[in-house]
C-alpha atoms as a PDB file:
ATOM      1  CA  MET A   1      68.971-134.780 -73.091  1.00  0.00           C
ATOM      2  CA  PHE A   2      66.689-137.680 -74.002  1.00  0.00           C
ATOM      3  CA  ALA A   3      65.755-140.731 -71.944  1.00  0.00           C
ATOM      4  CA  SER A   4      63.568-143.764 -72.624  1.00  0.00           C
ATOM      5  CA  THR A   5      61.453-145.685 -70.144  1.00  0.00           C
ATOM      6  CA  ASP A   6      59.861-149.080 -69.681  1.00  0.00           C
ATOM      7  CA  ASP A   7      56.424-147.618 -70.444  1.00  0.00           C
ATOM      8  CA  GLY A   8      57.282-146.796 -74.079  1.00  0.00           C
ATOM      9  CA  ASN A   9      57.785-143.061 -73.561  1.00  0.00           C
ATOM     10  CA  ILE A  10      60.710-140.890 -74.611  1.00  0.00           C
ATOM     11  CA  TYR A  11      61.408-137.911 -72.360  1.00  0.00           C
ATOM     12  CA  GLN A  12      63.205-134.727 -73.383  1.00  0.00           C
ATOM     13  CA  TRP A  13      64.921-133.029 -70.436  1.00  0.00           C
ATOM     14  CA  ASP A  14      66.274-129.523 -70.015  1.00  0.00           C
ATOM     15  CA  VAL A  15      69.453-130.186 -68.058  1.00  0.00           C
ATOM     16  CA  GLY A  16      69.827-126.558 -66.965  1.00  0.00           C
ATOM     17  CA  SER A  17      66.424-126.340 -65.299  1.00  0.00           C
ATOM     18  CA  ARG A  18      66.236-130.074 -64.437  1.00  0.00           C
ATOM     19  CA  LYS A  19      62.731-130.284 -65.890  1.00  0.00           C
ATOM     20  CA  ILE A  20      60.993-132.387 -68.502  1.00  0.00           C
ATOM     21  CA  VAL A  21      60.426-130.355 -71.680  1.00  0.00           C
ATOM     22  CA  ASP A  22      58.441-132.916 -73.677  1.00  0.00           C
ATOM     23  CA  ILE A  23      57.096-136.454 -73.432  1.00  0.00           C
ATOM     24  CA  MET A  24      56.293-138.515 -76.500  1.00  0.00           C
ATOM     25  CA  THR A  25      55.085-142.066 -76.956  1.00  0.00           C
ATOM     26  CA  ASP A  26      57.371-144.256 -79.045  1.00  0.00           C
ATOM     27  CA  VAL A  27      55.260-145.566 -81.940  1.00  0.00           C
ATOM     28  CA  GLY A  28      54.428-149.261 -81.567  1.00  0.00           C
ATOM     29  CA  ALA A  29      56.285-149.642 -78.278  1.00  0.00           C
ATOM     30  CA  LEU A  30      55.125-151.168 -75.042  1.00  0.00           C
ATOM     31  CA  GLN A  31      58.697-150.814 -73.781  1.00  0.00           C
ATOM     32  CA  THR A  32      61.440-148.687 -75.353  1.00  0.00           C
ATOM     33  CA  ASN A  33      64.704-150.559 -74.844  1.00  0.00           C
ATOM     34  CA  CYS A  34      67.301-148.231 -76.362  1.00  0.00           C
ATOM     35  CA  ILE A  35      67.783-144.857 -78.031  1.00  0.00           C
ATOM     36  CA  ASP A  36      70.629-143.091 -79.825  1.00  0.00           C
ATOM     37  CA  PHE A  37      71.064-139.565 -81.161  1.00  0.00           C
ATOM     38  CA  SER A  38      72.911-138.927 -84.412  1.00  0.00           C
ATOM     39  CA  SER A  39      76.175-136.995 -84.159  1.00  0.00           C
ATOM     40  CA  ASP A  40      74.820-134.316 -86.516  1.00  0.00           C
ATOM     41  CA  ASN A  41      71.892-133.789 -84.072  1.00  0.00           C
ATOM     42  CA  GLY A  42      69.357-134.430 -86.811  1.00  0.00           C
ATOM     43  CA  TYR A  43      67.828-137.745 -85.756  1.00  0.00           C
ATOM     44  CA  LEU A  44      66.905-139.859 -82.766  1.00  0.00           C
ATOM     45  CA  VAL A  45      66.419-143.595 -83.202  1.00  0.00           C
ATOM     46  CA  SER A  46      64.615-145.918 -80.799  1.00  0.00           C
ATOM     47  CA  GLY A  47      64.385-149.684 -80.514  1.00  0.00           C
ATOM     48  CA  ASN A  48      61.578-151.432 -78.671  1.00  0.00           C
ATOM     49  CA  ASN A  49      60.443-154.797 -77.360  1.00  0.00           C
ATOM     50  CA  ALA A  50      58.095-155.375 -80.311  1.00  0.00           C
ATOM     51  CA  GLY A  51      61.044-155.514 -82.732  1.00  0.00           C
ATOM     52  CA  MET A  52      60.424-152.055 -84.182  1.00  0.00           C
ATOM     53  CA  THR A  53      63.074-149.437 -84.846  1.00  0.00           C
ATOM     54  CA  ASN A  54      61.770-145.882 -85.257  1.00  0.00           C
ATOM     55  CA  LEU A  55      63.682-142.950 -86.709  1.00  0.00           C
ATOM     56  CA  TYR A  56      62.516-139.500 -85.556  1.00  0.00           C
ATOM     57  CA  GLN A  57      63.665-136.166 -86.978  1.00  0.00           C
ATOM     58  CA  PHE A  58      64.909-133.501 -84.551  1.00  0.00           C
ATOM     59  CA  ASN A  59      64.072-129.880 -85.360  1.00  0.00           C
ATOM     60  CA  LYS A  60      67.204-127.877 -84.537  1.00  0.00           C
ATOM     61  CA  VAL A  61      65.314-124.555 -84.509  1.00  0.00           C
ATOM     62  CA  THR A  62      62.530-125.484 -82.072  1.00  0.00           C
ATOM     63  CA  LYS A  63      64.679-128.168 -80.387  1.00  0.00           C
ATOM     64  CA  THR A  64      61.843-130.697 -80.453  1.00  0.00           C
ATOM     65  CA  LEU A  65      61.297-134.137 -81.958  1.00  0.00           C
ATOM     66  CA  ASN A  66      58.776-134.744 -84.694  1.00  0.00           C
ATOM     67  CA  LYS A  67      56.330-137.127 -83.001  1.00  0.00           C
ATOM     68  CA  LYS A  68      55.731-139.068 -86.225  1.00  0.00           C
ATOM     69  CA  PRO A  69      58.647-141.276 -87.280  1.00  0.00           C
ATOM     70  CA  VAL A  70      60.423-140.504 -90.540  1.00  0.00           C
ATOM     71  CA  LYS A  71      60.957-144.243 -90.915  1.00  0.00           C
ATOM     72  CA  GLU A  72      59.599-147.305 -89.115  1.00  0.00           C
ATOM     73  CA  ILE A  73      61.555-150.531 -89.513  1.00  0.00           C
ATOM     74  CA  ASP A  74      59.492-153.465 -88.335  1.00  0.00           C
ATOM     75  CA  ASN A  75      60.909-156.529 -90.055  1.00  0.00           C
ATOM     76  CA  LEU A  76      62.134-158.150 -86.811  1.00  0.00           C
ATOM     77  CA  THR A  77      59.842-159.994 -84.449  1.00  0.00           C
ATOM     78  CA  THR A  78      62.244-160.108 -81.512  1.00  0.00           C
ATOM     79  CA  SER A  79      63.123-157.311 -79.092  1.00  0.00           C
ATOM     80  CA  ILE A  80      65.642-154.691 -80.255  1.00  0.00           C
ATOM     81  CA  ASP A  81      68.489-154.454 -77.747  1.00  0.00           C
ATOM     82  CA  ASN A  82      70.861-151.949 -79.393  1.00  0.00           C
ATOM     83  CA  VAL A  83      70.664-149.067 -81.881  1.00  0.00           C
ATOM     84  CA  CYS A  84      73.618-147.003 -83.073  1.00  0.00           C
ATOM     85  CA  PHE A  85      74.538-144.401 -85.703  1.00  0.00           C
ATOM     86  CA  ASN A  86      78.001-144.351 -87.223  1.00  0.00           C
ATOM     87  CA  PRO A  87      80.116-141.232 -86.410  1.00  0.00           C
ATOM     88  CA  ALA A  88      79.111-139.471 -89.649  1.00  0.00           C
ATOM     89  CA  SER A  89      75.378-140.208 -89.086  1.00  0.00           C
ATOM     90  CA  GLU A  90      75.180-141.917 -92.481  1.00  0.00           C
ATOM     91  CA  LEU A  91      74.493-145.460 -91.294  1.00  0.00           C
ATOM     92  CA  LEU A  92      72.181-146.887 -88.688  1.00  0.00           C
ATOM     93  CA  ALA A  93      72.638-150.317 -87.123  1.00  0.00           C
ATOM     94  CA  PHE A  94      70.286-152.148 -84.819  1.00  0.00           C
ATOM     95  CA  THR A  95      70.498-155.584 -83.234  1.00  0.00           C
ATOM     96  CA  SER A  96      68.380-158.183 -81.543  1.00  0.00           C
ATOM     97  CA  LYS A  97      69.984-160.740 -79.272  1.00  0.00           C
ATOM     98  CA  TRP A  98      67.781-163.508 -80.635  1.00  0.00           C
END
């Protein structure tokens, strides 16, 4: 399970042991507003208050995130408030309320 925080970190939890497995800093984020995991379990996307959307690859063998984004989308200057993959994990949408 993954969770984001106001300090720009993304936490990976082991639900069985109720412990944090890994902590990573979301690139370019002072505050991570939203995250979504693709349905094929290959990617995690995050949106932050600086208007950046980061796409991270998930390694299914080691069950860890690559700490360097595969893609950084930074063409917005307003805070990202929603990120979402389509059910087939082919499309990614992100929004800003401004």
